[in-house]
Amino acid sequence: PTFYGFRWITLLMTQEFDLPDVLRLWDSLFADPCRFDFLIYFCAAVVLSIRDDLLAHNDFAYCVKALQRFDGRVPLHALLPLAMKLYAE
């Protein structure tokens, strides 16, 4: 997580998504009383969303690069429900 998660959390995902998506994510974060707890679950949802691809390559360098350059591989509207489901559990 140090290789990709630090940037995700400190920059609140601004480097991974376009501005409209970032604003939608921030709306979800700020609407929750435990804001930054939800951010951790959102980050987990991002990793889970490309899990099969990461496992298929089985290469550390590929995995780190894929996570550092997520660049909206999975649309935000698909990630938010997964993050909310993880958060609810």
Protein backbone atom coordinates (compact mmCIF):
# COMPACT_ATOMS: atom_id res chain seq x y z
CA PRO A 1 0.00 0.00 0.00
CA THR A 2 2.90 2.38 0.55
CA PHE A 3 3.65 2.46 -3.18
CA TYR A 4 0.17 3.55 -4.25
CA GLY A 5 -2.06 4.10 -1.21
CA PHE A 6 -0.14 7.04 0.21
CA ARG A 7 -0.84 9.11 -2.91
CA TRP A 8 -4.47 8.01 -3.06
CA ILE A 9 -5.14 9.01 0.53
CA THR A 10 -3.10 12.19 0.80
CA LEU A 11 -4.45 13.59 -2.48
CA LEU A 12 -7.98 12.23 -1.93
CA MET A 13 -7.94 10.37 -5.27
CA THR A 14 -7.55 13.58 -7.31
CA GLN A 15 -4.85 12.05 -9.53
CA GLU A 16 -6.85 8.94 -10.41
CA PHE A 17 -10.15 10.43 -11.61
CA ASP A 18 -11.44 13.38 -13.62
CA LEU A 19 -12.74 16.40 -11.71
CA PRO A 20 -16.48 15.53 -11.96
CA ASP A 21 -15.75 12.07 -10.55
CA VAL A 22 -13.53 13.51 -7.82
CA LEU A 23 -16.30 15.88 -6.80
CA ARG A 24 -18.77 12.98 -6.67
CA LEU A 25 -16.36 10.98 -4.51
CA TRP A 26 -15.75 13.95 -2.23
CA ASP A 27 -19.49 14.41 -1.89
CA SER A 28 -19.70 10.84 -0.62
CA LEU A 29 -16.75 11.38 1.71
CA PHE A 30 -18.02 14.61 3.23
CA ALA A 31 -21.57 13.28 3.60
CA ASP A 32 -20.30 10.54 5.91
CA PRO A 33 -19.60 11.47 9.55
CA CYS A 34 -16.57 9.13 9.50
CA ARG A 35 -15.24 10.66 6.27
CA PHE A 36 -11.83 9.19 6.10
CA ASP A 37 -12.94 5.75 7.18
CA PHE A 38 -14.98 5.60 3.98
CA LEU A 39 -11.92 6.68 1.97
CA ILE A 40 -10.05 3.57 3.18
CA TYR A 41 -12.93 1.37 2.03
CA PHE A 42 -13.02 3.20 -1.30
CA CYS A 43 -9.31 2.48 -1.75
CA ALA A 44 -9.97 -1.18 -0.98
CA ALA A 45 -12.74 -1.18 -3.59
CA VAL A 46 -10.30 0.19 -6.17
CA VAL A 47 -7.85 -2.65 -5.47
CA LEU A 48 -10.62 -5.25 -5.50
CA SER A 49 -11.95 -3.91 -8.80
CA ILE A 50 -8.71 -4.82 -10.61
CA ARG A 51 -7.83 -7.80 -8.44
CA ASP A 52 -8.22 -10.39 -11.21
CA ASP A 53 -5.95 -8.42 -13.53
CA LEU A 54 -3.31 -8.07 -10.81
CA LEU A 55 -3.42 -11.77 -9.96
CA ALA A 56 -3.32 -12.78 -13.63
CA HIS A 57 -0.06 -10.92 -14.20
CA ASN A 58 1.54 -12.11 -10.96
CA ASP A 59 4.31 -9.52 -11.40
CA PHE A 60 5.15 -7.01 -8.68
CA ALA A 61 6.30 -4.31 -11.10
CA TYR A 62 3.13 -4.61 -13.21
CA CYS A 63 0.91 -4.54 -10.12
CA VAL A 64 2.56 -1.45 -8.65
CA LYS A 65 2.40 0.34 -12.00
CA ALA A 66 -1.26 -0.62 -12.48
CA LEU A 67 -2.14 0.69 -9.02
CA GLN A 68 -0.05 3.86 -9.32
CA ARG A 69 -1.56 4.66 -12.70
CA PHE A 70 -5.15 3.65 -12.03
CA ASP A 71 -6.42 6.48 -14.26
CA GLY A 72 -10.09 5.57 -13.96
CA ARG A 73 -9.78 1.97 -15.22
CA VAL A 74 -13.04 1.24 -13.47
CA PRO A 75 -15.68 3.99 -13.55
CA LEU A 76 -16.47 5.71 -10.29
CA HIS A 77 -20.14 4.78 -10.50
CA ALA A 78 -19.07 1.13 -10.26
CA LEU A 79 -16.61 1.69 -7.41
CA LEU A 80 -18.88 3.66 -5.06
CA PRO A 81 -21.44 0.88 -4.55
CA LEU A 82 -18.65 -1.63 -3.88
CA ALA A 83 -17.04 0.74 -1.36
CA MET A 84 -20.42 1.32 0.33
CA LYS A 85 -20.99 -2.43 0.53
CA LEU A 86 -17.56 -2.97 2.10
CA TYR A 87 -18.15 -0.08 4.49
CA ALA A 88 -21.51 -1.50 5.60
CA GLU A 89 -20.05 -4.91 6.46
